Protein backbone atom coordinates (compact mmCIF):
# COMPACT_ATOMS: atom_id res chain seq x y z
CA MET A 1 268.26 -41.29 94.38
CA SER A 2 266.90 -42.71 91.12
CA TYR A 3 263.36 -41.83 92.97
CA PHE A 4 264.17 -37.72 93.02
CA LYS A 5 265.56 -38.21 89.38
CA VAL A 6 261.78 -39.80 87.86
CA LEU A 7 259.73 -37.17 89.92
CA PHE A 8 262.34 -34.18 88.48
CA SER A 9 261.61 -35.72 84.87
CA ALA A 10 257.88 -36.35 85.16
CA ILE A 11 257.70 -32.53 86.51
CA ALA A 12 259.99 -31.11 83.65
CA LEU A 13 258.24 -33.08 80.75
CA THR A 14 254.88 -32.49 82.03
CA LEU A 15 255.83 -28.51 82.14
CA LEU A 16 257.21 -28.82 78.89
CA VAL A 17 254.07 -30.20 77.19
CA SER A 18 251.88 -28.52 78.96
CA CYS A 19 253.87 -25.06 77.86
CA GLY A 20 254.12 -26.42 74.05
CA GLY A 21 256.86 -28.42 74.07
CA GLY A 22 259.55 -25.37 73.22
CA SER A 23 258.02 -25.70 69.25
CA SER A 24 258.41 -22.83 67.49
CA THR A 25 255.08 -23.55 65.64
CA PRO A 26 252.14 -21.13 67.22
CA GLN A 27 249.51 -22.50 69.29
CA THR A 28 246.09 -22.71 67.66
CA PRO A 29 243.84 -20.42 69.64
CA ALA A 30 241.23 -22.23 71.59
CA ALA A 31 237.87 -22.07 69.26
CA THR A 32 235.23 -19.31 70.18
CA PRO A 33 232.21 -20.65 72.01
CA PRO A 34 229.62 -20.63 69.35
CA ALA A 35 227.22 -17.60 69.74
CA ALA A 36 224.02 -18.32 72.30
CA ALA A 37 221.02 -19.09 70.53
CA ALA A 38 219.08 -16.69 70.07
CA THR A 39 216.50 -15.38 72.42
CA PRO A 40 213.18 -16.58 71.57
CA SER A 41 210.58 -13.36 71.00
CA ALA A 42 207.48 -13.11 73.63
CA GLY A 43 205.42 -15.07 70.81
CA GLU A 44 207.34 -18.03 70.30
CA LYS A 45 207.39 -18.58 73.92
CA VAL A 46 203.67 -18.63 74.11
CA TYR A 47 203.66 -21.05 70.79
CA ILE A 48 206.41 -23.39 72.29
CA THR A 49 204.18 -23.55 75.87
CA TYR A 50 200.80 -24.08 74.16
CA CYS A 51 200.86 -24.80 70.69
CA VAL A 52 204.31 -26.85 69.75
CA ALA A 53 202.96 -30.42 71.14
CA CYS A 54 199.78 -29.79 68.12
CA HIS A 55 201.26 -27.41 65.77
CA ALA A 56 204.85 -28.78 65.82
CA LYS A 57 208.25 -26.64 66.31
CA ASN A 58 208.18 -26.47 62.64
CA GLY A 59 204.26 -25.40 61.99
CA LYS A 60 203.35 -28.33 59.94
CA GLY A 61 201.26 -29.76 62.31
CA ILE A 62 200.06 -33.54 62.99
CA GLU A 63 198.49 -35.26 59.92
CA ASN A 64 194.78 -35.76 59.82
CA MET A 65 195.32 -34.59 63.64
CA TYR A 66 195.87 -31.10 63.89
CA PRO A 67 196.32 -28.31 60.58
CA PRO A 68 199.53 -26.94 59.93
CA LEU A 69 199.80 -23.31 60.28
CA ALA A 70 203.02 -22.86 57.86
CA GLY A 71 201.46 -21.81 55.04
CA SER A 72 197.96 -21.96 55.72
CA ARG A 73 195.98 -19.42 54.10
CA ARG A 74 193.77 -18.61 57.44
CA VAL A 75 197.13 -17.79 59.09
CA ASN A 76 197.81 -15.57 56.43
CA GLY A 77 194.88 -13.93 55.19
CA PRO A 78 192.56 -11.23 57.68
CA ALA A 79 193.59 -11.55 60.96
CA ALA A 80 189.60 -11.56 62.24
CA PRO A 81 189.37 -15.36 61.43
CA MET A 82 192.85 -16.89 63.29
CA LEU A 83 191.60 -14.59 66.09
CA ALA A 84 188.68 -15.85 66.23
CA VAL A 85 189.71 -19.67 66.45
CA ILE A 86 192.56 -18.70 69.06
CA PHE A 87 189.94 -17.34 71.63
CA ASN A 88 187.03 -19.46 70.42
CA GLY A 89 188.61 -22.94 69.84
CA LEU A 90 187.99 -25.21 66.61
CA GLN A 91 186.80 -28.48 66.20
CA GLY A 92 185.59 -30.76 62.97
CA GLU A 93 185.58 -28.04 60.61
CA GLU A 94 187.78 -28.60 57.00
CA ILE A 95 190.81 -26.41 56.43
CA ASP A 96 192.31 -26.23 53.33
CA GLY A 97 190.29 -28.98 52.47
CA VAL A 98 191.39 -31.74 54.88
CA LYS A 99 189.07 -32.45 58.27
CA TYR A 100 191.14 -32.86 61.53
CA SER A 101 189.99 -34.99 64.13
CA MET A 102 191.21 -32.99 67.04
CA ALA A 103 189.63 -30.40 68.81
CA MET A 104 191.26 -26.62 69.67
CA THR A 105 191.82 -25.35 72.77
CA PRO A 106 189.68 -22.11 73.10
CA TYR A 107 192.64 -19.52 74.95
CA ARG A 108 189.80 -17.08 75.49
CA ASP A 109 190.10 -17.64 79.24
CA ILE A 110 193.79 -18.82 79.25
CA LEU A 111 195.65 -16.41 77.13
CA SER A 112 196.34 -12.74 77.85
CA ASP A 113 195.10 -10.54 74.93
CA GLU A 114 198.86 -9.02 75.02
CA GLN A 115 199.80 -12.95 74.60
CA ILE A 116 197.54 -13.52 71.58
CA ARG A 117 198.85 -10.59 70.20
CA ASP A 118 202.11 -11.69 70.34
CA VAL A 119 201.58 -15.54 69.36
CA THR A 120 199.39 -14.65 66.28
CA ASN A 121 202.15 -12.03 65.15
CA TYR A 122 204.90 -15.02 65.78
CA VAL A 123 203.19 -17.38 63.33
CA ARG A 124 201.66 -15.39 61.43
CA THR A 125 205.62 -14.22 60.40
CA ALA A 126 206.97 -17.89 61.25
CA TRP A 127 208.01 -20.52 58.88
CA GLY A 128 207.35 -18.59 55.53
CA ASN A 129 204.71 -17.45 56.43
CA SER A 130 203.52 -13.51 55.39
CA GLY A 131 200.35 -12.33 57.54
CA SER A 132 200.02 -8.84 58.31
CA SER A 133 200.82 -7.58 62.01
CA VAL A 134 198.16 -7.82 64.40
CA SER A 135 197.85 -5.11 67.16
CA MET A 136 196.42 -4.97 70.58
CA GLU A 137 193.31 -3.18 69.03
CA ASP A 138 192.57 -6.07 66.55
CA VAL A 139 192.96 -8.78 69.57
CA ALA A 140 190.27 -6.73 71.94
CA THR A 141 187.65 -6.53 69.02
CA ALA A 142 188.57 -10.00 68.12
CA ARG A 143 187.95 -10.74 72.41
CA ALA A 144 184.32 -8.41 72.44
CA LYS A 145 183.06 -10.22 69.76
CA LYS A 146 180.86 -13.37 71.30
CA PRO A 147 181.36 -17.52 70.09
CA GLY A 148 179.64 -17.82 67.25
CA ALA A 149 179.08 -14.40 66.23
């Protein structure tokens, strides 16, 4: 008989606790889950895939190896020089007074014009940059130029 008393008491206690114990204090609702992180733009996806390893998630590059894109005059200036670097790569040039030791891959044969437009527009507006928007026509014009021209 005492076995059933213990079992009944355990079930009653479980129900009492799970139902709030009969207190008059209102239950706190469960916290609302945080909103999902914003979906990365097409340009940010290209940046993460092809650029982040060298130029970093924050666009600050790697000291003496890869130049920063955040605050760069090349990024914030006319689009043509930036597009030329994306298409043709770059090595051994001094950028904003610093010589960087590592080469940038030429993406002419790797990325589509749409991907280049998207990543260029992403970089030109990320991390406080204020470069003007790049069109598909700008990208096509840059692709048509021969490397070194």
